[in-house]
Every structure is written in structure tokens, then in C-alpha cells.
Protein backbone atom coordinates (compact mmCIF):
# COMPACT_ATOMS: atom_id res chain seq x y z
CA MET A 1 -0.27 15.76 13.78
CA SER A 2 0.16 12.12 16.06
CA GLU A 3 2.07 9.68 14.25
CA GLU A 4 -1.19 8.22 13.20
CA ASP A 5 -1.72 10.69 10.76
CA THR A 6 1.93 11.12 10.11
CA ASN A 7 1.46 6.82 8.68
CA LYS A 8 -1.72 7.56 7.10
CA ILE A 9 -0.19 10.56 4.76
CA ILE A 10 3.21 8.36 3.93
CA GLU A 11 0.82 5.82 3.05
CA ILE A 12 -1.18 7.49 1.09
CA ILE A 13 2.02 8.64 -0.66
CA LEU A 14 3.95 5.07 -1.11
CA ILE A 15 0.29 3.87 -2.85
CA LEU A 16 0.42 6.73 -4.91
CA VAL A 17 4.42 5.66 -6.17
CA LEU A 18 5.27 2.85 -4.98
CA PRO A 19 1.72 0.80 -4.20
CA PRO A 20 4.14 -2.76 -2.76
CA LEU A 21 6.05 -0.61 -0.73
CA ALA A 22 2.88 0.84 1.01
CA ILE A 23 1.28 -2.53 1.93
CA TRP A 24 4.70 -3.44 3.41
CA PHE A 25 4.72 -0.03 5.02
CA HIS A 26 1.36 -1.03 6.56
CA ASP A 27 1.84 -3.65 8.04
CA ARG A 28 5.44 -3.80 8.27
CA ALA A 29 5.87 -7.18 7.43
CA CYS A 30 6.89 -8.94 3.66
CA THR A 31 3.19 -10.44 3.49
CA GLY A 32 1.47 -12.43 0.33
CA GLN A 33 -0.67 -9.08 0.15
CA VAL A 34 2.63 -7.24 -0.86
CA CYS A 35 3.77 -10.49 -3.25
CA LEU A 36 0.32 -9.64 -5.16
CA ASN A 37 0.98 -5.67 -4.65
CA ILE A 38 3.78 -6.52 -6.66
CA LEU A 39 2.58 -9.16 -9.29
CA LEU A 40 -0.43 -6.19 -9.70
CA CYS A 41 2.72 -3.74 -10.77
CA PHE A 42 3.70 -5.85 -13.17
CA ILE A 43 0.26 -6.13 -14.82
CA PHE A 44 -0.92 -2.71 -14.48
CA TRP A 45 0.29 0.28 -12.69
CA ILE A 46 -3.54 1.13 -11.75
CA PRO A 47 -4.88 -2.38 -10.04
CA ALA A 48 -1.62 -1.72 -7.68
CA MET A 49 -2.67 1.40 -6.26
CA VAL A 50 -6.31 0.11 -6.24
CA HIS A 51 -4.96 -2.70 -4.44
CA ALA A 52 -3.10 -0.60 -1.89
CA LEU A 53 -5.51 2.13 -0.78
CA TRP A 54 -7.64 -0.76 -0.54
CA TYR A 55 -5.80 -2.79 2.02
CA CYS A 56 -4.22 0.74 3.94
CA PHE A 57 -7.77 2.22 4.48
CA MET A 58 -10.47 0.48 3.53
CA ARG A 59 -10.26 -3.23 5.14
CA LYS A 60 -11.57 -3.69 8.31
């Protein structure tokens, strides 16, 4: 298993547990996307998970 595969597994686990931390782990920086995800967590957990999933795996 390569380091990239390991990072993907860690990101999936973090998306399920703490979505903002998954985005931070993906970028290794506190960006506006992390702040947006924290706001989504306060509103409702599911949108934060969807946003983190999109940010980590679906956007280019």
C-alpha cells in the first residue's frame, strides 16, 4: 500500500468523524474551505460530510 492510498483511507475516516479535519489533512493548511466546513458542521453534520467528500475526492 502506497502513501497515497494510506492518505485516502485516513481522509475517509476523518470525513466520517471530523469533516473539517479531513479538509485540513487534505490541504495541510487552514483555508477558507476548512472554515466553511466548520460552519456546515454547526448547521448540520451531513452537509459537512458531503462538502468534505467533494473537496477531498471529487474536485480537480
